[in-house]
Amino acid sequence: MSEQKQQPGQINIELDEKTAEGTYSNLAIINHSASEFVVDFVSIMPGTPKAKVKSRIVLTPQHAKRLLKALGENIHRFESAHGVISDTEQPPLPLSFGPAGQA
């Protein structure tokens, strides 16, 4: 196996097996302060009144905006290849975490 030479300014990112498996989430709860955005990823099951946060990501406002742009570009490419993603209505969840957005 030959080693690839790392170019200047290139980042070497490692992904271990456990992280590569990913974590399923069907609810994202987003909160923010003046200095950070907090995104909690939750897996909630129908008929279950309780769910646990599976992962929390904390971002700077600048990184949150870059993530929004990158996600938008990826959704555009996905829809160009596979068709429009339908945005189905979801029943409101009884969550009260203060000012937050859901995705």
N, C-alpha and C. Protein backbone atom coordinates (compact mmCIF):
# COMPACT_ATOMS: atom_id res chain seq x y z
N MET A 1 0.85 -1.18 0.00
CA MET A 1 0.00 0.00 0.00
C MET A 1 0.90 1.24 0.00
N SER A 2 0.74 2.10 -0.97
CA SER A 2 1.58 3.30 -1.02
C SER A 2 0.95 4.43 -0.23
N GLU A 3 1.82 5.18 0.44
CA GLU A 3 1.34 6.33 1.20
C GLU A 3 1.19 7.52 0.28
N GLN A 4 0.06 8.21 0.40
CA GLN A 4 -0.14 9.42 -0.40
C GLN A 4 0.50 10.59 0.33
N LYS A 5 1.16 11.44 -0.43
CA LYS A 5 1.78 12.62 0.15
C LYS A 5 0.72 13.67 0.41
N GLN A 6 0.70 14.22 1.62
CA GLN A 6 -0.29 15.23 1.96
C GLN A 6 0.14 16.58 1.41
N GLN A 7 -0.78 17.22 0.70
CA GLN A 7 -0.52 18.53 0.12
C GLN A 7 -0.61 19.59 1.21
N PRO A 8 0.13 20.70 1.06
CA PRO A 8 0.02 21.80 2.03
C PRO A 8 -1.42 22.32 2.09
N GLY A 9 -1.92 22.56 3.29
CA GLY A 9 -3.28 23.06 3.46
C GLY A 9 -4.33 21.98 3.43
N GLN A 10 -3.93 20.72 3.19
CA GLN A 10 -4.87 19.60 3.15
C GLN A 10 -5.03 19.03 4.55
N ILE A 11 -6.25 18.63 4.90
CA ILE A 11 -6.54 18.08 6.22
C ILE A 11 -6.67 16.57 6.10
N ASN A 12 -6.00 15.85 6.97
CA ASN A 12 -6.11 14.40 7.03
C ASN A 12 -7.19 14.06 8.05
N ILE A 13 -8.31 13.53 7.60
CA ILE A 13 -9.44 13.22 8.48
C ILE A 13 -9.55 11.71 8.64
N GLU A 14 -9.61 11.26 9.89
CA GLU A 14 -9.74 9.84 10.18
C GLU A 14 -11.17 9.53 10.61
N LEU A 15 -11.65 8.35 10.25
CA LEU A 15 -13.00 7.91 10.59
C LEU A 15 -12.92 6.49 11.11
N ASP A 16 -13.15 6.32 12.42
CA ASP A 16 -13.08 4.97 12.97
C ASP A 16 -14.37 4.21 12.65
N GLU A 17 -14.34 2.88 12.83
CA GLU A 17 -15.47 2.03 12.44
C GLU A 17 -16.76 2.39 13.17
N LYS A 18 -16.70 2.63 14.46
CA LYS A 18 -17.90 2.94 15.25
C LYS A 18 -18.56 4.22 14.74
N THR A 19 -17.76 5.26 14.52
CA THR A 19 -18.30 6.53 14.02
C THR A 19 -18.83 6.37 12.61
N ALA A 20 -18.17 5.56 11.80
CA ALA A 20 -18.58 5.35 10.41
C ALA A 20 -19.95 4.69 10.32
N GLU A 21 -20.37 3.95 11.35
CA GLU A 21 -21.70 3.33 11.36
C GLU A 21 -22.80 4.38 11.37
N GLY A 22 -22.52 5.53 11.95
CA GLY A 22 -23.51 6.61 12.03
C GLY A 22 -24.52 6.38 13.14
N THR A 23 -25.33 7.38 13.39
CA THR A 23 -26.39 7.32 14.38
C THR A 23 -27.67 7.81 13.73
N TYR A 24 -28.73 7.01 13.78
CA TYR A 24 -29.99 7.39 13.15
C TYR A 24 -30.67 8.49 13.96
N SER A 25 -31.23 9.46 13.25
CA SER A 25 -31.98 10.54 13.88
C SER A 25 -33.15 10.92 12.98
N ASN A 26 -34.33 11.11 13.57
CA ASN A 26 -35.47 11.58 12.81
C ASN A 26 -36.03 12.89 13.38
N LEU A 27 -35.24 13.53 14.23
CA LEU A 27 -35.62 14.83 14.79
C LEU A 27 -34.34 15.58 15.15
N ALA A 28 -34.27 16.83 14.77
CA ALA A 28 -33.16 17.69 15.17
C ALA A 28 -33.76 18.90 15.88
N ILE A 29 -33.22 19.22 17.03
CA ILE A 29 -33.66 20.39 17.79
C ILE A 29 -32.50 21.37 17.82
N ILE A 30 -32.76 22.59 17.39
CA ILE A 30 -31.70 23.58 17.25
C ILE A 30 -31.94 24.76 18.18
N ASN A 31 -30.94 25.07 18.98
CA ASN A 31 -30.96 26.24 19.86
C ASN A 31 -29.72 27.07 19.56
N HIS A 32 -29.73 28.32 19.96
CA HIS A 32 -28.55 29.15 19.74
C HIS A 32 -28.42 30.22 20.81
N SER A 33 -27.19 30.67 20.98
CA SER A 33 -26.88 31.82 21.82
C SER A 33 -26.14 32.81 20.92
N ALA A 34 -25.60 33.86 21.49
CA ALA A 34 -24.87 34.84 20.69
C ALA A 34 -23.57 34.26 20.13
N SER A 35 -23.05 33.18 20.74
CA SER A 35 -21.75 32.68 20.33
C SER A 35 -21.75 31.27 19.75
N GLU A 36 -22.89 30.53 19.82
CA GLU A 36 -22.89 29.17 19.31
C GLU A 36 -24.28 28.67 18.95
N PHE A 37 -24.31 27.70 18.05
CA PHE A 37 -25.52 26.97 17.70
C PHE A 37 -25.36 25.57 18.28
N VAL A 38 -26.43 25.05 18.86
CA VAL A 38 -26.42 23.70 19.42
C VAL A 38 -27.48 22.89 18.69
N VAL A 39 -27.06 21.79 18.06
CA VAL A 39 -27.98 20.92 17.33
C VAL A 39 -28.01 19.58 18.05
N ASP A 40 -29.18 19.23 18.58
CA ASP A 40 -29.38 17.94 19.24
C ASP A 40 -30.10 17.02 18.26
N PHE A 41 -29.53 15.85 18.02
CA PHE A 41 -30.13 14.86 17.14
C PHE A 41 -30.79 13.79 18.01
N VAL A 42 -32.07 13.54 17.73
CA VAL A 42 -32.90 12.65 18.54
C VAL A 42 -33.49 11.57 17.64
N SER A 43 -33.68 10.40 18.21
CA SER A 43 -34.42 9.34 17.53
C SER A 43 -35.67 9.10 18.36
N ILE A 44 -36.81 9.52 17.81
CA ILE A 44 -38.07 9.40 18.54
C ILE A 44 -38.94 8.37 17.84
N MET A 45 -39.52 7.47 18.61
CA MET A 45 -40.35 6.41 18.06
C MET A 45 -41.83 6.75 18.26
N PRO A 46 -42.67 6.44 17.27
CA PRO A 46 -44.11 6.72 17.39
C PRO A 46 -44.70 6.05 18.63
N GLY A 47 -45.54 6.78 19.33
CA GLY A 47 -46.22 6.24 20.50
C GLY A 47 -45.37 6.20 21.75
N THR A 48 -44.14 6.68 21.66
CA THR A 48 -43.25 6.70 22.82
C THR A 48 -43.15 8.12 23.33
N PRO A 49 -43.52 8.36 24.60
CA PRO A 49 -43.53 9.73 25.11
C PRO A 49 -42.15 10.27 25.48
N LYS A 50 -41.12 9.42 25.42
CA LYS A 50 -39.79 9.85 25.84
C LYS A 50 -38.77 9.44 24.79
N ALA A 51 -37.80 10.32 24.57
CA ALA A 51 -36.71 10.03 23.62
C ALA A 51 -35.44 10.65 24.15
N LYS A 52 -34.31 10.05 23.80
CA LYS A 52 -33.02 10.55 24.25
C LYS A 52 -32.29 11.23 23.11
N VAL A 53 -31.51 12.25 23.46
CA VAL A 53 -30.62 12.88 22.50
C VAL A 53 -29.53 11.86 22.18
N LYS A 54 -29.34 11.57 20.89
CA LYS A 54 -28.34 10.59 20.46
C LYS A 54 -26.99 11.25 20.20
N SER A 55 -27.03 12.53 19.80
CA SER A 55 -25.80 13.24 19.51
C SER A 55 -26.04 14.74 19.61
N ARG A 56 -25.06 15.46 20.09
CA ARG A 56 -25.14 16.93 20.16
C ARG A 56 -23.93 17.50 19.44
N ILE A 57 -24.19 18.44 18.54
CA ILE A 57 -23.13 19.13 17.82
C ILE A 57 -23.21 20.61 18.17
N VAL A 58 -22.08 21.19 18.56
CA VAL A 58 -22.00 22.61 18.90
C VAL A 58 -21.17 23.29 17.81
N LEU A 59 -21.73 24.35 17.22
CA LEU A 59 -21.10 25.05 16.09
C LEU A 59 -20.98 26.54 16.37
N THR A 60 -19.97 27.16 15.79
CA THR A 60 -19.92 28.62 15.80
C THR A 60 -20.99 29.12 14.82
N PRO A 61 -21.45 30.36 14.95
CA PRO A 61 -22.42 30.88 13.98
C PRO A 61 -21.90 30.82 12.54
N GLN A 62 -20.62 31.07 12.34
CA GLN A 62 -20.05 31.03 11.00
C GLN A 62 -20.09 29.61 10.44
N HIS A 63 -19.75 28.64 11.27
CA HIS A 63 -19.77 27.25 10.80
C HIS A 63 -21.20 26.79 10.55
N ALA A 64 -22.14 27.23 11.38
CA ALA A 64 -23.55 26.87 11.17
C ALA A 64 -24.03 27.39 9.81
N LYS A 65 -23.62 28.59 9.45
CA LYS A 65 -24.01 29.15 8.15
C LYS A 65 -23.36 28.37 7.00
N ARG A 66 -22.09 27.97 7.16
CA ARG A 66 -21.44 27.17 6.13
C ARG A 66 -22.11 25.80 6.01
N LEU A 67 -22.53 25.22 7.13
CA LEU A 67 -23.24 23.95 7.11
C LEU A 67 -24.57 24.09 6.37
N LEU A 68 -25.30 25.16 6.63
CA LEU A 68 -26.56 25.42 5.94
C LEU A 68 -26.34 25.49 4.43
N LYS A 69 -25.31 26.21 4.00
CA LYS A 69 -25.02 26.34 2.58
C LYS A 69 -24.64 24.98 1.97
N ALA A 70 -23.77 24.23 2.66
CA ALA A 70 -23.33 22.92 2.14
C ALA A 70 -24.50 21.94 2.08
N LEU A 71 -25.36 21.95 3.08
CA LEU A 71 -26.52 21.07 3.08
C LEU A 71 -27.47 21.44 1.94
N GLY A 72 -27.68 22.73 1.72
CA GLY A 72 -28.53 23.18 0.62
C GLY A 72 -27.98 22.74 -0.73
N GLU A 73 -26.66 22.87 -0.92
CA GLU A 73 -26.05 22.45 -2.18
C GLU A 73 -26.19 20.94 -2.38
N ASN A 74 -26.03 20.16 -1.31
CA ASN A 74 -26.15 18.71 -1.42
C ASN A 74 -27.59 18.29 -1.69
N ILE A 75 -28.55 18.97 -1.08
CA ILE A 75 -29.96 18.66 -1.35
C ILE A 75 -30.28 18.97 -2.81
N HIS A 76 -29.78 20.09 -3.32
CA HIS A 76 -29.99 20.44 -4.73
C HIS A 76 -29.44 19.36 -5.65
N ARG A 77 -28.22 18.89 -5.39
CA ARG A 77 -27.62 17.83 -6.21
C ARG A 77 -28.41 16.53 -6.10
N PHE A 78 -28.86 16.19 -4.89
CA PHE A 78 -29.65 14.97 -4.69
C PHE A 78 -30.94 15.04 -5.49
N GLU A 79 -31.65 16.18 -5.38
CA GLU A 79 -32.92 16.33 -6.09
C GLU A 79 -32.73 16.36 -7.60
N SER A 80 -31.62 16.89 -8.07
CA SER A 80 -31.33 16.87 -9.51
C SER A 80 -31.17 15.44 -10.01
N ALA A 81 -30.60 14.58 -9.17
CA ALA A 81 -30.36 13.19 -9.57
C ALA A 81 -31.55 12.27 -9.30
N HIS A 82 -32.31 12.56 -8.23
CA HIS A 82 -33.34 11.60 -7.77
C HIS A 82 -34.76 12.17 -7.71
N GLY A 83 -34.94 13.42 -8.01
CA GLY A 83 -36.27 14.03 -7.92
C GLY A 83 -36.46 14.78 -6.61
N VAL A 84 -37.50 15.58 -6.58
CA VAL A 84 -37.78 16.45 -5.43
C VAL A 84 -38.09 15.62 -4.18
N ILE A 85 -37.52 16.01 -3.07
CA ILE A 85 -37.80 15.39 -1.78
C ILE A 85 -39.11 15.97 -1.28
N SER A 86 -40.11 15.11 -1.02
CA SER A 86 -41.40 15.63 -0.55
C SER A 86 -41.28 16.05 0.91
N ASP A 87 -41.89 17.17 1.22
CA ASP A 87 -41.87 17.72 2.57
C ASP A 87 -43.22 17.43 3.20
N THR A 88 -43.36 16.28 3.86
CA THR A 88 -44.64 15.87 4.43
C THR A 88 -44.90 16.60 5.74
N GLU A 89 -46.17 16.84 5.99
CA GLU A 89 -46.56 17.47 7.24
C GLU A 89 -46.32 16.51 8.41
N GLN A 90 -45.79 17.04 9.48
CA GLN A 90 -45.55 16.24 10.67
C GLN A 90 -46.41 16.80 11.80
N PRO A 91 -47.01 15.92 12.61
CA PRO A 91 -47.79 16.43 13.73
C PRO A 91 -46.86 17.14 14.72
N PRO A 92 -47.34 18.20 15.38
CA PRO A 92 -46.49 18.92 16.32
C PRO A 92 -46.11 18.01 17.49
N LEU A 93 -44.86 18.14 17.91
CA LEU A 93 -44.38 17.35 19.04
C LEU A 93 -44.48 18.20 20.31
N PRO A 94 -44.84 17.60 21.41
CA PRO A 94 -44.94 18.37 22.66
C PRO A 94 -43.56 18.60 23.27
N LEU A 95 -42.78 19.46 22.63
CA LEU A 95 -41.45 19.76 23.13
C LEU A 95 -41.40 21.20 23.60
N SER A 96 -40.77 21.43 24.73
CA SER A 96 -40.64 22.81 25.20
C SER A 96 -39.22 23.04 25.69
N PHE A 97 -38.35 23.36 24.74
CA PHE A 97 -36.95 23.61 25.05
C PHE A 97 -36.62 25.11 24.95
N GLY A 98 -37.62 25.95 24.91
CA GLY A 98 -37.38 27.37 24.70
C GLY A 98 -37.30 27.66 23.22
N PRO A 99 -36.72 28.81 22.84
CA PRO A 99 -36.67 29.14 21.42
C PRO A 99 -35.81 28.13 20.68
N ALA A 100 -36.43 27.45 19.74
CA ALA A 100 -35.71 26.41 19.01
C ALA A 100 -36.34 26.20 17.65
N GLY A 101 -35.58 25.59 16.77
CA GLY A 101 -36.08 25.18 15.48
C GLY A 101 -36.02 23.69 15.40
N GLN A 102 -36.83 23.10 14.54
CA GLN A 102 -36.83 21.67 14.36
C GLN A 102 -36.54 21.34 12.91
N ALA A 103 -35.87 20.26 12.70
CA ALA A 103 -35.59 19.81 11.34
C ALA A 103 -35.80 18.31 11.25
